[in-house]
Amino acid sequence: MANLFTRDRIIGLVLAAIIAAVDQAIKAYVIGPLALREVRNIELLPFFDLTYTENRGISLGMLQATNMEMRYLLVLMTAVIALIVFVWMLREKKLGDIIGLALILGGAIGNIRDRWNLGYVIDYADLHFGDFRPFLIFNVADAAITIGVVIILARSLFLREKDEDEPDAKSVPSEN
């Protein structure tokens, strides 16, 4: 148990906390001082707006929370996933994997807090090129989750450790 909170895992936990805090701070700013809930849209750049949206579902708007029972079921489901990610992060040894999991965990915490307190997740980041939108309207938590998943997938696909029973080029005897 003494090695449970290594330096890299503490870095991961701090990163998750920072992601959740930044997500909540930006959401408070866009609905508070910017009054995005009332104005609905603020054009910032030709390809990026702040557009207020209440996401009552999960990824891609699936599983809509149309009543209190569904709202808390979604909170429970995402909390279980966040707990699994937390345990996974505490079992990982490599900082790269821990960072990916920390991004997922921090984003999940930010969105869970919204859903628990409000019944929906506040989304506001609207990336577009004319009428083409490569993503749905999102928030910092969504972006962190997506980046974390990409990191985990990339590391598992491209940085896979060799099996111990697979001979290494250095350990194969030469035929000189």
Foldseek 3Di string as FASTA:
>chain_A
DVCLCDPLLVVLQVLLQVLLVVQVVVVCCCCPVVVCVVVQWDDDDLFKIWGKDWQQAPPPNPQGCPDPVSLVVVLVVLVVVLVVLSVVLSPDDDNLLSNLSSLLNSLSNNQSVCSVVPVTGIFTIFGGDVPHGPDDGHTSSVVSNVVSVVSNVCCCVPVPDDDPPDDDPVPDDDDD
